[in-house]
Amino acid sequence: MSTNKIDRSKYEVPRELRIASSTNYIVPKLKLYERQGLKKHMAKALHTGDFSRYKYPHDESYHHVINLLSTPELSPDELRLGLFLFEMAYEKRNFKPVYCLADEDFRTQKVGENELIHIGKPKSSKHTFSAMPITSLVIKLQNNQIRMDSFNLLPMLEKLESFGVLTMTEICNKNCVNPDVEEFVTNCVYLELNLGFTSTVINRKWM
């Protein structure tokens, strides 16, 4: 039996050419931008989802349930998904910012660096890290007795985003600090829940 070690370095993609590496990290989408759902159903001052400015002083309650229930046009599954994400964040304390929307956990040597997905702002040395394997949101939901198909998750998250519930950034080349790299489909997303959506009562602000 040969004892020669395989030189794996020649098979690896250089980190500057990878999606979500330390040098070609994912840049999160800006949180305050005009959202179509809010544009349709909210006063102009709230089109960006900047709800936190209407928070009552000393109000430490969570209002995401009444806000989601009052949001127009949400399907039962979209409502269920939104409630699940917030409950993970505020009750069970096990919300992770990066999820795979496919039917299985995500892991590959072609994305990230040292099995870490890097997310950060340009010219900032501070990054958010998510370790691979990236958890499948489909499996996470199933483990909590919620059955949803993988092909429905992206449009449902986009719908929640359009109403200011969250901000979603896809893990792909177009969202890298250097987008001019080979495209690689990850089916992974970076989710940021809108804290203003839970700290402020907005159920009476819908038009």
N, C-alpha and C. Protein backbone atom coordinates (compact mmCIF):
# COMPACT_ATOMS: atom_id res chain seq x y z
N MET A 1 0.85 -1.20 0.00
CA MET A 1 0.00 0.00 0.00
C MET A 1 0.88 1.25 0.00
N SER A 2 0.55 2.20 -0.89
CA SER A 2 1.34 3.43 -0.98
C SER A 2 1.10 4.31 0.23
N THR A 3 2.17 4.89 0.72
CA THR A 3 2.07 5.79 1.88
C THR A 3 2.16 7.25 1.46
N ASN A 4 2.23 7.47 0.13
CA ASN A 4 2.33 8.84 -0.37
C ASN A 4 1.03 9.60 -0.09
N LYS A 5 1.17 10.79 0.47
CA LYS A 5 0.00 11.59 0.75
C LYS A 5 -0.43 12.34 -0.52
N ILE A 6 -1.76 12.49 -0.66
CA ILE A 6 -2.29 13.22 -1.80
C ILE A 6 -2.16 14.71 -1.55
N ASP A 7 -1.63 15.44 -2.50
CA ASP A 7 -1.52 16.89 -2.39
C ASP A 7 -2.86 17.50 -2.77
N ARG A 8 -3.68 17.76 -1.75
CA ARG A 8 -5.02 18.27 -2.01
C ARG A 8 -5.03 19.76 -2.37
N SER A 9 -3.93 20.45 -2.17
CA SER A 9 -3.90 21.89 -2.43
C SER A 9 -4.18 22.21 -3.90
N LYS A 10 -3.77 21.32 -4.79
CA LYS A 10 -3.97 21.59 -6.21
C LYS A 10 -5.41 21.41 -6.64
N TYR A 11 -6.23 20.81 -5.76
CA TYR A 11 -7.64 20.64 -6.07
C TYR A 11 -8.49 21.74 -5.44
N GLU A 12 -7.90 22.54 -4.57
CA GLU A 12 -8.67 23.54 -3.85
C GLU A 12 -8.76 24.84 -4.64
N VAL A 13 -9.91 25.49 -4.54
CA VAL A 13 -10.12 26.79 -5.17
C VAL A 13 -9.47 27.85 -4.28
N PRO A 14 -8.62 28.74 -4.83
CA PRO A 14 -8.01 29.80 -4.00
C PRO A 14 -9.07 30.59 -3.27
N ARG A 15 -8.79 31.01 -2.04
CA ARG A 15 -9.82 31.64 -1.21
C ARG A 15 -10.35 32.93 -1.81
N GLU A 16 -9.51 33.66 -2.57
CA GLU A 16 -9.97 34.91 -3.16
C GLU A 16 -10.97 34.67 -4.30
N LEU A 17 -11.04 33.44 -4.78
CA LEU A 17 -11.98 33.09 -5.84
C LEU A 17 -13.20 32.34 -5.32
N ARG A 18 -13.25 32.12 -4.02
CA ARG A 18 -14.40 31.41 -3.44
C ARG A 18 -15.48 32.39 -3.01
N ILE A 19 -16.67 31.88 -2.94
CA ILE A 19 -17.78 32.62 -2.35
C ILE A 19 -17.68 32.48 -0.83
N ALA A 20 -17.84 33.60 -0.12
CA ALA A 20 -17.93 33.62 1.35
C ALA A 20 -16.63 33.22 2.06
N SER A 21 -15.48 33.47 1.44
CA SER A 21 -14.20 33.25 2.11
C SER A 21 -13.84 34.50 2.92
N SER A 22 -12.73 34.45 3.64
CA SER A 22 -12.32 35.59 4.46
C SER A 22 -11.94 36.79 3.62
N THR A 23 -11.49 36.57 2.39
CA THR A 23 -11.10 37.68 1.51
C THR A 23 -12.19 38.03 0.50
N ASN A 24 -13.15 37.14 0.31
CA ASN A 24 -14.26 37.42 -0.61
C ASN A 24 -15.58 37.11 0.10
N TYR A 25 -15.76 37.80 1.21
CA TYR A 25 -16.89 37.55 2.09
C TYR A 25 -18.21 38.07 1.51
N ILE A 26 -19.30 37.60 2.10
CA ILE A 26 -20.62 38.03 1.71
C ILE A 26 -20.93 39.39 2.37
N VAL A 27 -21.43 40.32 1.59
CA VAL A 27 -21.82 41.64 2.11
C VAL A 27 -23.33 41.64 2.34
N PRO A 28 -23.78 41.80 3.60
CA PRO A 28 -25.22 41.76 3.87
C PRO A 28 -25.96 42.90 3.18
N LYS A 29 -27.18 42.61 2.80
CA LYS A 29 -28.04 43.63 2.21
C LYS A 29 -28.33 44.71 3.25
N LEU A 30 -28.44 45.95 2.81
CA LEU A 30 -28.81 47.03 3.71
C LEU A 30 -30.20 46.78 4.30
N LYS A 31 -30.37 47.09 5.56
CA LYS A 31 -31.65 46.84 6.22
C LYS A 31 -32.70 47.88 5.87
N LEU A 32 -32.29 49.13 5.73
CA LEU A 32 -33.24 50.20 5.47
C LEU A 32 -33.33 50.48 3.98
N TYR A 33 -34.18 49.73 3.32
CA TYR A 33 -34.44 49.97 1.90
C TYR A 33 -35.94 49.81 1.67
N GLU A 34 -36.44 50.38 0.60
CA GLU A 34 -37.87 50.36 0.31
C GLU A 34 -38.34 48.95 -0.01
N ARG A 35 -39.36 48.50 0.69
CA ARG A 35 -39.88 47.14 0.52
C ARG A 35 -41.28 47.20 -0.08
N GLN A 36 -41.53 46.30 -1.03
CA GLN A 36 -42.75 46.39 -1.82
C GLN A 36 -44.01 46.14 -1.00
N GLY A 37 -43.99 45.19 -0.08
CA GLY A 37 -45.16 44.92 0.74
C GLY A 37 -45.52 46.12 1.60
N LEU A 38 -44.50 46.75 2.18
CA LEU A 38 -44.73 47.93 3.01
C LEU A 38 -45.17 49.11 2.15
N LYS A 39 -44.60 49.21 0.97
CA LYS A 39 -44.97 50.30 0.06
C LYS A 39 -46.45 50.22 -0.30
N LYS A 40 -46.95 49.02 -0.37
CA LYS A 40 -48.36 48.81 -0.75
C LYS A 40 -49.31 49.02 0.42
N HIS A 41 -48.86 48.67 1.64
CA HIS A 41 -49.80 48.62 2.76
C HIS A 41 -49.44 49.52 3.95
N MET A 42 -48.35 50.27 3.87
CA MET A 42 -47.94 51.11 4.99
C MET A 42 -47.79 52.56 4.54
N ALA A 43 -47.85 53.47 5.51
CA ALA A 43 -47.56 54.87 5.22
C ALA A 43 -46.12 55.00 4.74
N LYS A 44 -45.85 56.03 3.96
CA LYS A 44 -44.53 56.19 3.32
C LYS A 44 -43.39 56.18 4.32
N ALA A 45 -43.62 56.73 5.51
CA ALA A 45 -42.56 56.82 6.52
C ALA A 45 -42.06 55.46 6.96
N LEU A 46 -42.84 54.40 6.70
CA LEU A 46 -42.46 53.06 7.15
C LEU A 46 -42.10 52.12 6.00
N HIS A 47 -41.90 52.64 4.83
CA HIS A 47 -41.61 51.79 3.67
C HIS A 47 -40.30 51.03 3.81
N THR A 48 -39.39 51.50 4.66
CA THR A 48 -38.10 50.83 4.83
C THR A 48 -38.11 49.83 5.98
N GLY A 49 -39.23 49.72 6.69
CA GLY A 49 -39.27 48.80 7.82
C GLY A 49 -38.60 49.34 9.07
N ASP A 50 -38.48 50.65 9.16
CA ASP A 50 -37.85 51.26 10.33
C ASP A 50 -38.92 51.45 11.42
N PHE A 51 -39.34 50.32 12.02
CA PHE A 51 -40.42 50.35 13.00
C PHE A 51 -39.96 50.78 14.38
N SER A 52 -38.69 50.60 14.69
CA SER A 52 -38.21 50.79 16.06
C SER A 52 -38.39 52.22 16.56
N ARG A 53 -38.50 53.18 15.66
CA ARG A 53 -38.66 54.57 16.09
C ARG A 53 -40.02 54.81 16.77
N TYR A 54 -40.95 53.87 16.58
CA TYR A 54 -42.27 54.00 17.19
C TYR A 54 -42.41 53.19 18.47
N LYS A 55 -41.31 52.69 18.98
CA LYS A 55 -41.34 51.91 20.22
C LYS A 55 -41.69 52.81 21.40
N TYR A 56 -42.56 52.30 22.27
CA TYR A 56 -42.90 53.04 23.48
C TYR A 56 -41.77 52.90 24.50
N PRO A 57 -41.44 53.97 25.21
CA PRO A 57 -40.38 53.90 26.22
C PRO A 57 -40.69 52.83 27.28
N HIS A 58 -39.69 52.11 27.65
CA HIS A 58 -39.78 51.10 28.72
C HIS A 58 -40.64 49.89 28.34
N ASP A 59 -41.03 49.78 27.08
CA ASP A 59 -41.80 48.62 26.64
C ASP A 59 -40.82 47.51 26.23
N GLU A 60 -40.71 46.49 27.03
CA GLU A 60 -39.78 45.39 26.77
C GLU A 60 -40.50 44.13 26.29
N SER A 61 -41.76 44.27 25.92
CA SER A 61 -42.54 43.11 25.47
C SER A 61 -42.18 42.75 24.03
N TYR A 62 -42.48 41.50 23.66
CA TYR A 62 -42.29 41.04 22.29
C TYR A 62 -43.64 41.13 21.56
N HIS A 63 -43.66 41.80 20.42
CA HIS A 63 -44.91 42.04 19.71
C HIS A 63 -44.96 41.36 18.34
N HIS A 64 -44.03 40.45 18.07
CA HIS A 64 -43.98 39.85 16.73
C HIS A 64 -45.21 39.02 16.40
N VAL A 65 -45.85 38.43 17.39
CA VAL A 65 -47.02 37.59 17.12
C VAL A 65 -48.17 38.42 16.58
N ILE A 66 -48.54 39.49 17.29
CA ILE A 66 -49.65 40.33 16.82
C ILE A 66 -49.29 41.02 15.52
N ASN A 67 -48.02 41.37 15.35
CA ASN A 67 -47.60 42.03 14.10
C ASN A 67 -47.70 41.07 12.92
N LEU A 68 -47.28 39.83 13.11
CA LEU A 68 -47.38 38.84 12.02
C LEU A 68 -48.84 38.52 11.71
N LEU A 69 -49.64 38.34 12.75
CA LEU A 69 -51.05 38.01 12.54
C LEU A 69 -51.78 39.12 11.79
N SER A 70 -51.35 40.35 11.96
CA SER A 70 -52.03 41.48 11.32
C SER A 70 -51.47 41.81 9.94
N THR A 71 -50.34 41.21 9.58
CA THR A 71 -49.71 41.53 8.29
C THR A 71 -50.58 41.05 7.13
N PRO A 72 -50.96 41.92 6.22
CA PRO A 72 -51.83 41.51 5.11
C PRO A 72 -51.11 40.61 4.11
N GLU A 73 -51.90 39.77 3.45
CA GLU A 73 -51.45 38.95 2.32
C GLU A 73 -50.56 37.76 2.70
N LEU A 74 -50.27 37.55 3.97
CA LEU A 74 -49.45 36.40 4.35
C LEU A 74 -50.29 35.13 4.31
N SER A 75 -49.74 34.09 3.69
CA SER A 75 -50.41 32.79 3.68
C SER A 75 -50.22 32.12 5.04
N PRO A 76 -50.99 31.08 5.34
CA PRO A 76 -50.78 30.36 6.61
C PRO A 76 -49.35 29.85 6.77
N ASP A 77 -48.73 29.37 5.69
CA ASP A 77 -47.35 28.87 5.78
C ASP A 77 -46.36 30.01 6.00
N GLU A 78 -46.58 31.15 5.35
CA GLU A 78 -45.69 32.30 5.55
C GLU A 78 -45.79 32.80 6.98
N LEU A 79 -47.00 32.81 7.50
CA LEU A 79 -47.20 33.21 8.90
C LEU A 79 -46.52 32.22 9.84
N ARG A 80 -46.68 30.94 9.56
CA ARG A 80 -46.07 29.90 10.40
C ARG A 80 -44.55 30.00 10.36
N LEU A 81 -43.99 30.25 9.19
CA LEU A 81 -42.53 30.37 9.06
C LEU A 81 -42.01 31.58 9.83
N GLY A 82 -42.69 32.72 9.70
CA GLY A 82 -42.27 33.91 10.43
C GLY A 82 -42.31 33.71 11.94
N LEU A 83 -43.39 33.10 12.43
CA LEU A 83 -43.50 32.82 13.86
C LEU A 83 -42.40 31.88 14.32
N PHE A 84 -42.10 30.88 13.52
CA PHE A 84 -41.07 29.91 13.88
C PHE A 84 -39.70 30.58 14.01
N LEU A 85 -39.35 31.44 13.07
CA LEU A 85 -38.05 32.12 13.12
C LEU A 85 -37.92 32.99 14.36
N PHE A 86 -38.96 33.74 14.68
CA PHE A 86 -38.91 34.60 15.85
C PHE A 86 -38.91 33.79 17.15
N GLU A 87 -39.66 32.70 17.17
CA GLU A 87 -39.68 31.88 18.37
C GLU A 87 -38.32 31.24 18.62
N MET A 88 -37.64 30.85 17.55
CA MET A 88 -36.27 30.33 17.70
C MET A 88 -35.37 31.38 18.32
N ALA A 89 -35.53 32.62 17.85
CA ALA A 89 -34.64 33.68 18.30
C ALA A 89 -34.92 34.13 19.73
N TYR A 90 -36.18 34.19 20.10
CA TYR A 90 -36.52 34.82 21.38
C TYR A 90 -36.90 33.84 22.48
N GLU A 91 -37.24 32.62 22.12
CA GLU A 91 -37.64 31.66 23.14
C GLU A 91 -36.58 30.58 23.34
N LYS A 92 -36.25 29.88 22.29
CA LYS A 92 -35.31 28.76 22.40
C LYS A 92 -33.85 29.22 22.34
N ARG A 93 -33.63 30.44 21.84
CA ARG A 93 -32.26 30.99 21.78
C ARG A 93 -31.32 30.16 20.91
N ASN A 94 -31.84 29.51 19.87
CA ASN A 94 -30.97 28.71 19.00
C ASN A 94 -31.10 29.12 17.54
N PHE A 95 -31.45 30.38 17.30
CA PHE A 95 -31.53 30.89 15.94
C PHE A 95 -30.13 31.08 15.37
N LYS A 96 -29.91 30.55 14.17
CA LYS A 96 -28.64 30.74 13.47
C LYS A 96 -28.89 31.65 12.28
N PRO A 97 -27.96 32.54 11.96
CA PRO A 97 -28.22 33.50 10.89
C PRO A 97 -28.15 32.92 9.48
N VAL A 98 -27.44 31.80 9.30
CA VAL A 98 -27.30 31.22 7.97
C VAL A 98 -27.98 29.86 7.91
N TYR A 99 -28.84 29.68 6.89
CA TYR A 99 -29.55 28.43 6.71
C TYR A 99 -29.48 27.98 5.26
N CYS A 100 -29.53 26.67 5.08
CA CYS A 100 -29.64 26.09 3.74
C CYS A 100 -31.12 25.84 3.48
N LEU A 101 -31.58 26.20 2.27
CA LEU A 101 -32.99 26.03 1.94
C LEU A 101 -33.26 24.74 1.19
N ALA A 102 -32.24 23.91 1.05
CA ALA A 102 -32.40 22.60 0.41
C ALA A 102 -32.83 21.57 1.44
N ASP A 103 -32.98 20.33 0.99
CA ASP A 103 -33.49 19.26 1.86
C ASP A 103 -32.42 18.62 2.73
N GLU A 104 -31.19 19.09 2.63
CA GLU A 104 -30.12 18.52 3.44
C GLU A 104 -29.14 19.62 3.85
N ASP A 105 -28.37 19.34 4.88
CA ASP A 105 -27.38 20.31 5.34
C ASP A 105 -26.34 20.56 4.24
N PHE A 106 -25.73 21.73 4.28
CA PHE A 106 -24.80 22.14 3.21
C PHE A 106 -23.36 22.12 3.69
N ARG A 107 -22.51 21.48 2.91
CA ARG A 107 -21.07 21.48 3.19
C ARG A 107 -20.31 21.26 1.88
N THR A 108 -19.30 22.08 1.65
CA THR A 108 -18.45 21.92 0.48
C THR A 108 -17.14 22.66 0.71
N GLN A 109 -16.07 22.19 0.08
CA GLN A 109 -14.78 22.87 0.17
C GLN A 109 -14.67 24.01 -0.84
N LYS A 110 -15.68 24.16 -1.70
CA LYS A 110 -15.63 25.20 -2.73
C LYS A 110 -16.19 26.53 -2.25
N VAL A 111 -16.76 26.55 -1.06
CA VAL A 111 -17.37 27.76 -0.51
C VAL A 111 -16.80 28.01 0.87
N GLY A 112 -16.60 29.28 1.22
CA GLY A 112 -16.10 29.60 2.54
C GLY A 112 -14.62 29.32 2.68
N GLU A 113 -14.17 29.23 3.93
CA GLU A 113 -12.76 28.97 4.22
C GLU A 113 -12.66 28.26 5.56
N ASN A 114 -11.93 27.15 5.56
CA ASN A 114 -11.82 26.32 6.77
C ASN A 114 -13.20 25.94 7.30
N GLU A 115 -14.11 25.68 6.36
CA GLU A 115 -15.49 25.29 6.67
C GLU A 115 -16.24 26.37 7.44
N LEU A 116 -15.89 27.63 7.16
CA LEU A 116 -16.60 28.76 7.74
C LEU A 116 -17.12 29.66 6.63
N ILE A 117 -18.38 30.08 6.74
CA ILE A 117 -18.97 31.07 5.86
C ILE A 117 -18.69 32.45 6.47
N HIS A 118 -18.08 33.35 5.69
CA HIS A 118 -17.71 34.68 6.19
C HIS A 118 -18.70 35.72 5.66
N ILE A 119 -19.20 36.55 6.58
CA ILE A 119 -20.14 37.61 6.23
C ILE A 119 -19.69 38.89 6.93
N GLY A 120 -19.55 39.98 6.18
CA GLY A 120 -19.07 41.22 6.79
C GLY A 120 -19.35 42.42 5.92
N LYS A 121 -19.06 43.58 6.45
CA LYS A 121 -19.24 44.83 5.71
C LYS A 121 -17.91 45.25 5.08
N PRO A 122 -17.97 45.90 3.92
CA PRO A 122 -16.73 46.34 3.27
C PRO A 122 -15.88 47.21 4.20
N LYS A 123 -14.57 47.03 4.13
CA LYS A 123 -13.58 47.78 4.90
C LYS A 123 -13.68 47.52 6.41
N SER A 124 -14.38 46.46 6.79
CA SER A 124 -14.46 46.10 8.21
C SER A 124 -13.73 44.78 8.44
N SER A 125 -12.96 44.72 9.50
CA SER A 125 -12.22 43.49 9.82
C SER A 125 -13.07 42.52 10.65
N LYS A 126 -14.24 42.97 11.09
CA LYS A 126 -15.12 42.12 11.89
C LYS A 126 -16.10 41.38 11.00
N HIS A 127 -16.07 40.07 11.09
CA HIS A 127 -16.95 39.24 10.28
C HIS A 127 -17.85 38.39 11.17
N THR A 128 -19.02 38.04 10.62
CA THR A 128 -19.87 37.03 11.22
C THR A 128 -19.48 35.69 10.61
N PHE A 129 -19.39 34.66 11.43
CA PHE A 129 -18.98 33.35 10.94
C PHE A 129 -20.11 32.35 11.15
N SER A 130 -20.29 31.48 10.18
CA SER A 130 -21.21 30.35 10.32
C SER A 130 -20.47 29.09 9.89
N ALA A 131 -20.43 28.13 10.78
CA ALA A 131 -19.67 26.90 10.52
C ALA A 131 -20.49 25.92 9.68
N MET A 132 -19.83 25.29 8.74
CA MET A 132 -20.45 24.20 7.99
C MET A 132 -20.34 22.90 8.79
N PRO A 133 -21.31 22.01 8.64
CA PRO A 133 -22.42 22.08 7.69
C PRO A 133 -23.47 23.11 8.09
N ILE A 134 -23.98 23.81 7.09
CA ILE A 134 -25.04 24.79 7.31
C ILE A 134 -26.36 24.04 7.46
N THR A 135 -27.07 24.34 8.52
CA THR A 135 -28.30 23.62 8.84
C THR A 135 -29.37 23.81 7.78
N SER A 136 -30.01 22.72 7.38
CA SER A 136 -31.15 22.78 6.46
C SER A 136 -32.36 23.30 7.21
N LEU A 137 -32.95 24.39 6.72
CA LEU A 137 -34.15 24.94 7.35
C LEU A 137 -35.32 23.98 7.19
N VAL A 138 -35.34 23.23 6.09
CA VAL A 138 -36.40 22.23 5.88
C VAL A 138 -36.38 21.19 6.99
N ILE A 139 -35.19 20.68 7.29
CA ILE A 139 -35.06 19.67 8.35
C ILE A 139 -35.35 20.28 9.71
N LYS A 140 -34.89 21.52 9.93
CA LYS A 140 -35.15 22.21 11.19
C LYS A 140 -36.65 22.34 11.43
N LEU A 141 -37.38 22.68 10.40
CA LEU A 141 -38.83 22.79 10.50
C LEU A 141 -39.46 21.42 10.77
N GLN A 142 -39.01 20.42 10.04
CA GLN A 142 -39.56 19.06 10.22
C GLN A 142 -39.35 18.57 11.64
N ASN A 143 -38.18 18.87 12.21
CA ASN A 143 -37.90 18.45 13.59
C ASN A 143 -38.82 19.12 14.59
N ASN A 144 -39.47 20.19 14.15
CA ASN A 144 -40.43 20.89 15.01
C ASN A 144 -41.86 20.70 14.51
N GLN A 145 -42.08 19.58 13.80
CA GLN A 145 -43.40 19.18 13.32
C GLN A 145 -44.03 20.20 12.37
N ILE A 146 -43.18 20.87 11.58
CA ILE A 146 -43.66 21.80 10.55
C ILE A 146 -43.13 21.31 9.21
N ARG A 147 -44.03 20.92 8.32
CA ARG A 147 -43.60 20.38 7.03
C ARG A 147 -43.75 21.43 5.94
N MET A 148 -42.63 21.76 5.31
CA MET A 148 -42.62 22.70 4.19
C MET A 148 -41.67 22.19 3.12
N ASP A 149 -42.03 22.43 1.86
CA ASP A 149 -41.19 22.00 0.75
C ASP A 149 -40.07 23.00 0.52
N SER A 150 -38.89 22.50 0.16
CA SER A 150 -37.72 23.36 -0.02
C SER A 150 -37.95 24.42 -1.09
N PHE A 151 -38.66 24.08 -2.18
CA PHE A 151 -38.82 25.05 -3.26
C PHE A 151 -39.76 26.20 -2.89
N ASN A 152 -40.48 26.07 -1.77
CA ASN A 152 -41.36 27.14 -1.33
C ASN A 152 -40.68 28.10 -0.36
N LEU A 153 -39.57 27.71 0.23
CA LEU A 153 -38.98 28.51 1.29
C LEU A 153 -38.47 29.86 0.81
N LEU A 154 -37.77 29.89 -0.31
CA LEU A 154 -37.21 31.16 -0.80
C LEU A 154 -38.31 32.18 -1.08
N PRO A 155 -39.37 31.84 -1.85
CA PRO A 155 -40.42 32.85 -2.08
C PRO A 155 -41.14 33.26 -0.79
N MET A 156 -41.26 32.36 0.17
CA MET A 156 -41.90 32.72 1.43
C MET A 156 -41.03 33.69 2.22
N LEU A 157 -39.72 33.45 2.24
CA LEU A 157 -38.81 34.38 2.91
C LEU A 157 -38.80 35.73 2.21
N GLU A 158 -38.88 35.73 0.89
CA GLU A 158 -38.95 36.98 0.13
C GLU A 158 -40.22 37.76 0.48
N LYS A 159 -41.31 37.03 0.69
CA LYS A 159 -42.57 37.68 1.07
C LYS A 159 -42.43 38.32 2.45
N LEU A 160 -41.87 37.59 3.40
CA LEU A 160 -41.65 38.14 4.74
C LEU A 160 -40.72 39.35 4.68
N GLU A 161 -39.72 39.28 3.83
CA GLU A 161 -38.80 40.40 3.68
C GLU A 161 -39.51 41.62 3.13
N SER A 162 -40.43 41.42 2.21
CA SER A 162 -41.11 42.56 1.60
C SER A 162 -41.98 43.32 2.59
N PHE A 163 -42.33 42.68 3.71
CA PHE A 163 -43.12 43.33 4.75
C PHE A 163 -42.27 43.76 5.95
N GLY A 164 -40.95 43.72 5.80
CA GLY A 164 -40.07 44.22 6.84
C GLY A 164 -39.87 43.30 8.01
N VAL A 165 -40.28 42.05 7.88
CA VAL A 165 -40.12 41.08 8.97
C VAL A 165 -38.65 40.73 9.16
N LEU A 166 -37.93 40.62 8.06
CA LEU A 166 -36.53 40.22 8.09
C LEU A 166 -35.82 40.80 6.87
N THR A 167 -34.51 40.66 6.87
CA THR A 167 -33.69 41.02 5.72
C THR A 167 -32.89 39.79 5.32
N MET A 168 -32.96 39.43 4.05
CA MET A 168 -32.34 38.19 3.58
C MET A 168 -31.27 38.49 2.54
N THR A 169 -30.10 37.89 2.72
CA THR A 169 -29.01 37.99 1.75
C THR A 169 -28.64 36.59 1.30
N GLU A 170 -28.74 36.33 0.01
CA GLU A 170 -28.38 35.01 -0.51
C GLU A 170 -26.86 34.84 -0.51
N ILE A 171 -26.41 33.63 -0.18
CA ILE A 171 -24.97 33.31 -0.21
C ILE A 171 -24.62 32.94 -1.65
N CYS A 172 -24.22 33.94 -2.42
CA CYS A 172 -23.92 33.72 -3.84
C CYS A 172 -22.89 34.74 -4.29
N ASN A 173 -22.38 34.57 -5.50
CA ASN A 173 -21.29 35.42 -5.98
C ASN A 173 -21.70 36.89 -6.10
N LYS A 174 -22.96 37.16 -6.46
CA LYS A 174 -23.36 38.55 -6.67
C LYS A 174 -23.37 39.35 -5.36
N ASN A 175 -23.39 38.67 -4.21
CA ASN A 175 -23.39 39.36 -2.93
C ASN A 175 -22.03 39.33 -2.24
N CYS A 176 -20.99 38.90 -2.97
CA CYS A 176 -19.63 38.91 -2.43
C CYS A 176 -19.02 40.31 -2.57
N VAL A 177 -18.02 40.60 -1.75
CA VAL A 177 -17.32 41.87 -1.87
C VAL A 177 -16.66 41.98 -3.24
N ASN A 178 -16.27 40.84 -3.81
CA ASN A 178 -15.81 40.77 -5.20
C ASN A 178 -16.71 39.80 -5.95
N PRO A 179 -17.77 40.28 -6.59
CA PRO A 179 -18.75 39.39 -7.22
C PRO A 179 -18.26 38.73 -8.50
N ASP A 180 -17.11 39.19 -9.03
CA ASP A 180 -16.63 38.68 -10.31
C ASP A 180 -15.87 37.37 -10.13
N VAL A 181 -16.60 36.37 -9.61
CA VAL A 181 -16.03 35.03 -9.45
C VAL A 181 -17.03 34.02 -10.01
N GLU A 182 -16.58 32.79 -10.14
CA GLU A 182 -17.45 31.77 -10.71
C GLU A 182 -18.68 31.55 -9.84
N GLU A 183 -19.83 31.49 -10.49
CA GLU A 183 -21.08 31.30 -9.76
C GLU A 183 -21.15 29.88 -9.20
N PHE A 184 -21.63 29.78 -7.97
CA PHE A 184 -21.78 28.48 -7.33
C PHE A 184 -23.09 28.52 -6.55
N VAL A 185 -24.00 27.61 -6.87
CA VAL A 185 -25.31 27.60 -6.22
C VAL A 185 -25.19 26.94 -4.86
N THR A 186 -25.48 27.69 -3.81
CA THR A 186 -25.39 27.16 -2.45
C THR A 186 -26.76 26.86 -1.84
N ASN A 187 -27.79 27.56 -2.30
CA ASN A 187 -29.13 27.46 -1.70
C ASN A 187 -29.10 27.89 -0.23
N CYS A 188 -28.12 28.72 0.14
CA CYS A 188 -28.01 29.19 1.52
C CYS A 188 -28.32 30.68 1.59
N VAL A 189 -28.85 31.11 2.72
CA VAL A 189 -29.20 32.51 2.91
C VAL A 189 -28.76 32.98 4.29
N TYR A 190 -28.49 34.27 4.39
CA TYR A 190 -28.17 34.93 5.66
C TYR A 190 -29.39 35.73 6.07
N LEU A 191 -29.95 35.43 7.23
CA LEU A 191 -31.19 36.06 7.68
C LEU A 191 -30.93 36.97 8.87
N GLU A 192 -31.46 38.18 8.81
CA GLU A 192 -31.42 39.11 9.94
C GLU A 192 -32.85 39.49 10.29
N LEU A 193 -33.32 39.08 11.45
CA LEU A 193 -34.66 39.43 11.88
C LEU A 193 -34.71 40.92 12.22
N ASN A 194 -35.82 41.55 11.89
CA ASN A 194 -36.01 42.98 12.17
C ASN A 194 -36.43 43.14 13.62
N LEU A 195 -35.52 43.62 14.46
CA LEU A 195 -35.83 43.78 15.88
C LEU A 195 -36.97 44.77 16.10
N GLY A 196 -37.09 45.75 15.20
CA GLY A 196 -38.19 46.70 15.31
C GLY A 196 -39.55 46.05 15.11
N PHE A 197 -39.57 44.93 14.39
CA PHE A 197 -40.82 44.23 14.14
C PHE A 197 -41.34 43.56 15.41
N THR A 198 -40.46 43.30 16.35
CA THR A 198 -40.90 42.68 17.59
C THR A 198 -40.97 43.65 18.76
N SER A 199 -40.28 44.78 18.66
CA SER A 199 -40.26 45.72 19.78
C SER A 199 -41.36 46.78 19.69
N THR A 200 -42.02 46.87 18.54
CA THR A 200 -43.03 47.91 18.31
C THR A 200 -44.34 47.29 17.86
N VAL A 201 -45.45 47.79 18.35
CA VAL A 201 -46.77 47.34 17.90
C VAL A 201 -47.12 48.10 16.62
N ILE A 202 -47.26 47.36 15.50
CA ILE A 202 -47.56 48.02 14.22
C ILE A 202 -48.88 47.55 13.64
N ASN A 203 -49.65 46.73 14.38
CA ASN A 203 -50.86 46.13 13.81
C ASN A 203 -51.89 47.17 13.40
N ARG A 204 -51.83 48.40 13.95
CA ARG A 204 -52.80 49.43 13.60
C ARG A 204 -52.26 50.40 12.54
N LYS A 205 -51.08 50.13 12.06
CA LYS A 205 -50.47 51.04 11.08
C LYS A 205 -50.67 50.58 9.64
N TRP A 206 -51.25 49.39 9.46
CA TRP A 206 -51.51 48.92 8.10
C TRP A 206 -52.61 49.76 7.46
N MET A 207 -52.45 50.05 6.20
CA MET A 207 -53.43 50.86 5.47
C MET A 207 -54.48 49.95 4.84
